[in-house]
Amino acid sequence: MSNPNRLNLVLVLIVSALAVFLLWLGSAAESWLAIAMVGVAFSFVMLTNYALLHEATHNRLHDNSKANYALGVLSGVWFPVPFTMIHVTHQGHHLRNRTDHEMFDLYYPTDNRLVRYVQWYGILCGFFWPFVPLGGLIAAISPALLRTRPFRAARSSNYLLGDVAAANVWRIRGEVALTVAMFTTLFWTFELKWLNTLVLYGCFSVNWSTRQYVGHAFTRRDIVEGAWNLRHNRLMSWILLHGEYDLNHHRRPDVSWLHLPKLTRPDDERPSYVRQYWRQWLGPRPATEPPPEAVGPLPLAAHSLPLADGPSAEPPGGR
């Protein structure tokens, strides 16, 4: 199945233009109600941006590897997150889905129940997103921190950020520098206001974070099959670029978002997206299944995907 290269390119450009426009509009707005309304619109545009960024992590945003990298970096700027970092960590997600490292919706009898509830409702309330840009900054400025005891002891951050190899650091630094330069230019050119901009990203933080587990919550503990194909309205399906077909994506991560609905099997359960979302607010449940074993090669061998061509991952002059 072919990748919609031109469509993806147009979408990235439209989303980027809308991001700049809404950031300006949010700073130009005078009432907090107007700023909040712009923030809501911004949050949905950024959902599409994340869907495009996700495509780039699978080298599916464009068939040309250099174009895929460039478009992925641009999408990463608006998130903001270094593309190289999310490329690496997302491949880890496909290897460890529904393992203990990604088990937030369930808990063991030996787990601290309070901690598990705080983690779970923190995700639903929007507190997951800030850790992504923060992780990118740490990986760029002081990657040694990722090897300290607090990070190594954390069940989730250890495997996510632990996948970032030393060879990726210089590329991450370049992408962070580009993001800083981009926002510096935007703040200077359009006289953006810090507080207003933070409100916009706060809206996105909630809208993005609260959806991050809806496609996996309470599914079977299986690396590939531990996801849902959810039913959503047509508008949201296009905003998410068919992101509600998470099971199809895990089965075939090599297939473009445009073709995901075609992969649904007749016997696949299709819960309502809205019901599944509100179901999460009932809280985590006791784990009744053993964790899945470490995965071998996926249909795409996602863990072996090379980074798309971009700036050298080595420091100037090489080793």
Protein backbone atom coordinates (compact mmCIF):
# COMPACT_ATOMS: atom_id res chain seq x y z
CA MET A 1 0.00 0.00 0.00
CA SER A 2 1.50 3.29 -1.11
CA ASN A 3 2.18 6.29 1.10
CA PRO A 4 0.19 9.48 0.35
CA ASN A 5 3.35 11.59 -0.04
CA ARG A 6 1.74 14.71 -1.50
CA LEU A 7 -1.19 14.62 0.90
CA ASN A 8 1.14 14.25 3.88
CA LEU A 9 3.33 17.10 2.67
CA VAL A 10 0.30 19.37 2.26
CA LEU A 11 -1.00 18.38 5.70
CA VAL A 12 2.33 19.17 7.37
CA LEU A 13 2.43 22.58 5.69
CA ILE A 14 -1.20 23.36 6.59
CA VAL A 15 -0.72 22.27 10.19
CA SER A 16 2.46 24.35 10.45
CA ALA A 17 0.71 27.42 9.03
CA LEU A 18 -2.23 26.94 11.40
CA ALA A 19 0.13 26.51 14.34
CA VAL A 20 1.83 29.84 13.61
CA PHE A 21 -1.50 31.59 13.01
CA LEU A 22 -3.09 30.27 16.21
CA LEU A 23 0.00 31.10 18.29
CA TRP A 24 -0.23 34.67 16.98
CA LEU A 25 -4.01 34.80 17.48
CA GLY A 26 -3.68 33.47 21.02
CA SER A 27 -1.22 36.23 21.88
CA ALA A 28 -3.36 38.89 20.18
CA ALA A 29 -6.48 37.85 22.10
CA GLU A 30 -7.29 40.06 25.07
CA SER A 31 -9.84 38.10 27.09
CA TRP A 32 -9.07 34.80 28.79
CA LEU A 33 -12.16 33.27 27.21
CA ALA A 34 -10.85 34.14 23.75
CA ILE A 35 -7.42 32.75 24.61
CA ALA A 36 -9.01 29.53 25.86
CA MET A 37 -11.08 29.20 22.68
CA VAL A 38 -7.95 29.61 20.56
CA GLY A 39 -6.26 27.07 22.83
CA VAL A 40 -8.95 24.48 22.17
CA ALA A 41 -8.60 24.98 18.41
CA PHE A 42 -4.81 24.80 18.73
CA SER A 43 -5.05 21.55 20.68
CA PHE A 44 -6.98 19.81 17.90
CA VAL A 45 -4.59 21.07 15.21
CA MET A 46 -1.75 19.67 17.31
CA LEU A 47 -3.51 16.29 17.48
CA THR A 48 -3.21 16.11 13.71
CA ASN A 49 0.38 17.29 13.98
CA TYR A 50 1.14 14.45 16.37
CA ALA A 51 -0.49 11.96 14.01
CA LEU A 52 1.82 13.22 11.24
CA LEU A 53 4.80 13.03 13.58
CA HIS A 54 3.82 9.46 14.40
CA GLU A 55 3.80 8.60 10.70
CA ALA A 56 7.32 9.98 10.39
CA THR A 57 8.56 7.77 13.24
CA HIS A 58 7.60 4.79 11.09
CA ASN A 59 9.21 6.33 7.98
CA ARG A 60 5.74 6.52 6.44
CA LEU A 61 5.27 10.28 6.17
CA HIS A 62 7.17 10.32 2.88
CA ASP A 63 8.82 7.63 0.75
CA ASN A 64 11.95 9.74 0.39
CA SER A 65 13.92 9.22 3.60
CA LYS A 66 15.36 12.75 3.63
CA ALA A 67 11.93 14.27 3.10
CA ASN A 68 10.49 12.01 5.82
CA TYR A 69 13.18 13.18 8.23
CA ALA A 70 12.69 16.86 7.38
CA LEU A 71 8.91 16.66 7.72
CA GLY A 72 9.28 14.69 10.96
CA VAL A 73 11.62 17.31 12.39
CA LEU A 74 9.19 20.10 11.44
CA SER A 75 6.28 18.26 13.06
CA GLY A 76 8.46 17.68 16.11
CA VAL A 77 9.11 21.41 16.43
CA TRP A 78 5.43 22.13 17.06
CA PHE A 79 4.98 19.37 19.64
CA PRO A 80 7.79 20.20 20.69
CA VAL A 81 10.03 17.12 20.83
CA PRO A 82 13.27 16.13 19.08
CA PHE A 83 12.24 13.88 16.21
CA THR A 84 15.16 11.52 16.74
CA MET A 85 14.15 10.92 20.35
CA ILE A 86 10.51 10.15 19.62
CA HIS A 87 11.57 8.00 16.65
CA VAL A 88 13.60 5.81 19.02
CA THR A 89 11.15 5.74 21.91
CA HIS A 90 8.15 4.96 19.71
CA GLN A 91 9.88 1.91 18.26
CA GLY A 92 10.30 0.80 21.88
CA HIS A 93 6.54 1.13 22.34
CA HIS A 94 5.95 -1.39 19.55
CA LEU A 95 8.34 -3.80 21.25
CA ARG A 96 6.97 -3.44 24.78
CA ASN A 97 3.27 -2.72 24.39
CA ARG A 98 1.26 -4.16 27.32
CA THR A 99 4.38 -5.28 29.19
CA ASP A 100 4.90 -4.10 32.76
CA HIS A 101 6.79 -1.09 31.35
CA GLU A 102 3.59 0.20 29.73
CA MET A 103 1.05 -1.09 32.22
CA PHE A 104 -0.66 1.99 33.62
CA ASP A 105 -4.25 0.77 33.53
CA LEU A 106 -3.56 -2.26 35.73
CA TYR A 107 -1.80 -2.93 39.01
CA TYR A 108 -0.36 -5.90 40.89
CA PRO A 109 -1.16 -6.66 44.54
CA THR A 110 2.41 -5.65 45.40
CA ASP A 111 2.12 -2.24 43.70
CA ASN A 112 1.63 0.95 45.67
CA ARG A 113 -2.03 1.60 44.88
CA LEU A 114 -1.76 5.34 45.52
CA VAL A 115 1.17 5.70 43.12
CA ARG A 116 -0.67 3.74 40.43
CA TYR A 117 -3.77 5.93 40.77
CA VAL A 118 -1.71 9.13 40.70
CA GLN A 119 0.07 7.94 37.55
CA TRP A 120 -3.16 6.96 35.86
CA TYR A 121 -5.16 10.08 36.61
CA GLY A 122 -2.09 12.21 35.93
CA ILE A 123 -2.09 10.86 32.38
CA LEU A 124 -5.83 11.49 31.99
CA CYS A 125 -5.55 15.02 33.38
CA GLY A 126 -2.81 16.10 30.98
CA PHE A 127 0.37 15.69 32.98
CA PHE A 128 2.03 13.26 30.56
CA TRP A 129 2.81 15.77 27.82
CA PRO A 130 5.21 18.04 29.81
CA PHE A 131 7.55 15.11 30.41
CA VAL A 132 8.08 14.67 26.66
CA PRO A 133 9.65 18.10 25.94
CA LEU A 134 11.46 17.83 29.27
CA GLY A 135 12.91 14.46 28.29
CA GLY A 136 14.07 15.96 25.00
CA LEU A 137 15.86 18.78 26.80
CA ILE A 138 17.55 16.38 29.20
CA ALA A 139 18.65 14.12 26.34
CA ALA A 140 20.14 17.14 24.57
CA ILE A 141 21.72 19.03 27.46
CA SER A 142 22.74 16.33 29.93
CA PRO A 143 22.12 12.80 28.62
CA ALA A 144 24.13 11.42 31.55
CA LEU A 145 21.12 12.23 33.75
CA LEU A 146 19.19 9.49 31.95
CA ARG A 147 21.60 6.96 33.44
CA THR A 148 21.24 8.15 37.03
CA ARG A 149 19.45 6.07 39.65
CA PRO A 150 16.04 7.87 39.56
CA PHE A 151 15.69 7.25 35.82
CA ARG A 152 17.01 3.69 35.97
CA ALA A 153 14.69 2.85 38.87
CA ALA A 154 11.55 4.12 37.12
CA ARG A 155 9.80 1.25 35.36
CA SER A 156 8.65 3.32 32.38
CA SER A 157 11.18 6.10 31.87
CA ASN A 158 14.07 3.64 32.13
CA TYR A 159 13.12 1.75 29.00
CA LEU A 160 11.77 4.74 27.07
CA LEU A 161 14.64 7.16 27.53
CA GLY A 162 17.11 4.33 28.01
CA ASP A 163 16.70 3.51 24.31
CA VAL A 164 18.31 6.82 23.37
CA ALA A 165 21.84 5.82 22.39
CA ALA A 166 24.88 8.06 22.66
CA ALA A 167 25.09 8.14 18.86
CA ASN A 168 21.72 9.93 18.75
CA VAL A 169 22.66 12.75 21.12
CA TRP A 170 24.19 15.15 18.60
CA ARG A 171 21.26 14.76 16.27
CA ILE A 172 18.88 15.44 19.18
CA ARG A 173 20.89 18.53 20.10
CA GLY A 174 20.59 19.84 16.57
CA GLU A 175 16.83 19.31 16.58
CA VAL A 176 16.44 21.02 19.96
CA ALA A 177 18.54 23.95 18.72
CA LEU A 178 16.29 24.23 15.66
CA THR A 179 13.19 24.25 17.88
CA VAL A 180 14.65 26.97 20.10
CA ALA A 181 15.59 29.03 17.04
CA MET A 182 12.12 28.59 15.54
CA PHE A 183 10.27 29.71 18.66
CA THR A 184 12.72 32.56 19.29
CA THR A 185 11.98 33.81 15.78
CA LEU A 186 8.23 33.43 16.27
CA PHE A 187 8.27 35.27 19.61
CA TRP A 188 10.31 38.11 18.12
CA THR A 189 8.44 38.36 14.80
CA PHE A 190 4.87 38.03 16.07
CA GLU A 191 5.39 39.42 19.58
CA LEU A 192 4.05 36.27 21.18
CA LYS A 193 3.23 36.37 24.88
CA TRP A 194 4.66 33.66 27.11
CA LEU A 195 1.58 33.19 29.28
CA ASN A 196 -0.83 33.07 26.35
CA THR A 197 1.40 30.59 24.53
CA LEU A 198 1.59 28.40 27.63
CA VAL A 199 -2.22 28.42 27.84
CA LEU A 200 -2.39 27.15 24.26
CA TYR A 201 0.08 24.38 24.99
CA GLY A 202 -1.73 23.65 28.24
CA CYS A 203 -4.89 22.97 26.23
CA PHE A 204 -2.92 20.68 23.94
CA SER A 205 -1.33 18.96 26.93
CA VAL A 206 -4.73 17.95 28.26
CA ASN A 207 -6.22 17.03 24.87
CA TRP A 208 -3.22 14.92 23.87
CA SER A 209 -2.33 13.32 27.20
CA THR A 210 -5.87 12.27 28.06
CA ARG A 211 -6.09 10.29 24.79
CA GLN A 212 -2.74 8.55 24.97
CA TYR A 213 -3.94 5.32 26.53
CA VAL A 214 -7.46 5.09 25.12
CA GLY A 215 -6.36 2.69 22.38
CA HIS A 216 -4.68 0.30 24.82
CA ALA A 217 -6.53 0.54 28.13
CA PHE A 218 -7.94 -2.77 29.40
CA THR A 219 -6.91 -4.75 26.32
CA ARG A 220 -5.35 -8.20 26.43
CA ARG A 221 -1.72 -8.29 27.48
CA ASP A 222 -0.22 -9.00 24.09
CA ILE A 223 2.53 -7.04 22.34
CA VAL A 224 0.66 -6.78 19.03
CA GLU A 225 -2.97 -7.60 19.81
CA GLY A 226 -3.07 -5.44 22.94
CA ALA A 227 -4.86 -2.53 21.27
CA TRP A 228 -8.32 -1.51 20.12
CA ASN A 229 -9.89 -0.58 16.81
CA LEU A 230 -12.30 2.01 18.15
CA ARG A 231 -15.38 3.58 16.54
CA HIS A 232 -15.27 7.36 16.22
CA ASN A 233 -17.15 10.00 14.27
CA ARG A 234 -15.85 10.86 10.81
CA LEU A 235 -14.55 14.32 11.73
CA MET A 236 -12.45 13.09 14.64
CA SER A 237 -11.25 10.13 12.60
CA TRP A 238 -9.74 12.54 10.08
CA ILE A 239 -8.35 14.85 12.77
CA LEU A 240 -6.61 11.83 14.31
CA LEU A 241 -5.65 10.51 10.85
CA HIS A 242 -7.47 7.27 11.67
CA GLY A 243 -5.55 6.99 14.93
CA GLU A 244 -8.49 5.15 16.48
CA TYR A 245 -7.45 2.08 14.44
CA ASP A 246 -4.61 1.35 16.84
CA LEU A 247 -4.91 -2.43 16.61
CA ASN A 248 -4.58 -2.32 12.84
CA HIS A 249 -1.54 -0.10 13.25
CA HIS A 250 0.13 -2.50 15.68
CA ARG A 251 -0.54 -5.40 13.35
CA ARG A 252 0.82 -3.55 10.34
CA PRO A 253 3.02 -0.60 11.36
CA ASP A 254 4.32 -0.55 7.80
CA VAL A 255 0.96 0.69 6.45
CA SER A 256 0.14 4.38 6.03
CA TRP A 257 -2.58 5.97 8.17
CA LEU A 258 -4.70 6.43 5.04
CA HIS A 259 -5.17 2.68 4.60
CA LEU A 260 -5.67 1.60 8.24
CA PRO A 261 -9.49 1.27 8.09
CA LYS A 262 -9.17 -1.27 5.27
CA LEU A 263 -7.22 -3.65 7.53
CA THR A 264 -10.04 -4.22 10.02
CA ARG A 265 -11.02 -7.86 10.37
CA PRO A 266 -14.69 -8.94 10.47
CA ASP A 267 -14.31 -10.39 13.96
CA ASP A 268 -12.50 -7.38 15.47
CA GLU A 269 -14.27 -5.84 18.44
CA ARG A 270 -15.03 -2.15 17.78
CA PRO A 271 -15.85 -0.37 21.06
CA SER A 272 -17.04 3.22 21.00
CA TYR A 273 -14.14 5.68 21.34
CA VAL A 274 -16.20 7.92 23.63
CA ARG A 275 -17.31 5.05 25.89
CA GLN A 276 -13.77 3.68 26.03
CA TYR A 277 -12.48 7.12 26.98
CA TRP A 278 -14.92 7.57 29.87
CA ARG A 279 -14.34 3.98 30.94
CA GLN A 280 -10.77 4.97 31.77
CA TRP A 281 -11.95 7.42 34.42
CA LEU A 282 -13.21 4.52 36.54
CA GLY A 283 -9.58 3.94 37.44
CA PRO A 284 -6.98 1.20 37.03
CA ARG A 285 -7.89 -2.44 37.63
CA PRO A 286 -6.14 -5.46 39.16
CA ALA A 287 -3.92 -7.29 36.67
CA THR A 288 -5.30 -10.76 35.92
CA GLU A 289 -2.96 -11.80 33.08
CA PRO A 290 0.79 -12.40 33.07
CA PRO A 291 2.88 -9.89 31.11
CA PRO A 292 3.70 -10.77 27.50
CA GLU A 293 7.12 -12.13 26.65
CA ALA A 294 9.71 -9.99 24.89
CA VAL A 295 8.78 -9.71 21.27
CA GLY A 296 10.70 -11.06 18.32
CA PRO A 297 10.69 -9.24 14.99
CA LEU A 298 7.37 -7.58 14.27
CA PRO A 299 5.83 -7.72 10.79
CA LEU A 300 7.87 -4.60 10.06
CA ALA A 301 10.68 -5.42 12.52
CA ALA A 302 9.93 -2.00 13.98
CA HIS A 303 12.87 -2.09 16.35
CA SER A 304 15.32 -2.31 13.45
CA LEU A 305 13.97 0.68 11.50
CA PRO A 306 16.86 3.01 10.68
CA LEU A 307 16.51 6.70 11.30
CA ALA A 308 15.63 8.58 8.18
CA ASP A 309 18.52 10.45 6.59
CA GLY A 310 19.33 13.65 8.37
CA PRO A 311 22.25 15.44 9.94
CA SER A 312 25.05 13.23 11.16
CA ALA A 313 24.40 11.58 14.50
CA GLU A 314 28.06 12.00 15.36
CA PRO A 315 29.64 15.19 16.69
CA PRO A 316 31.57 17.26 14.16
CA GLY A 317 34.71 15.43 13.14
CA GLY A 318 33.32 12.02 14.11
CA ARG A 319 34.82 9.91 16.84
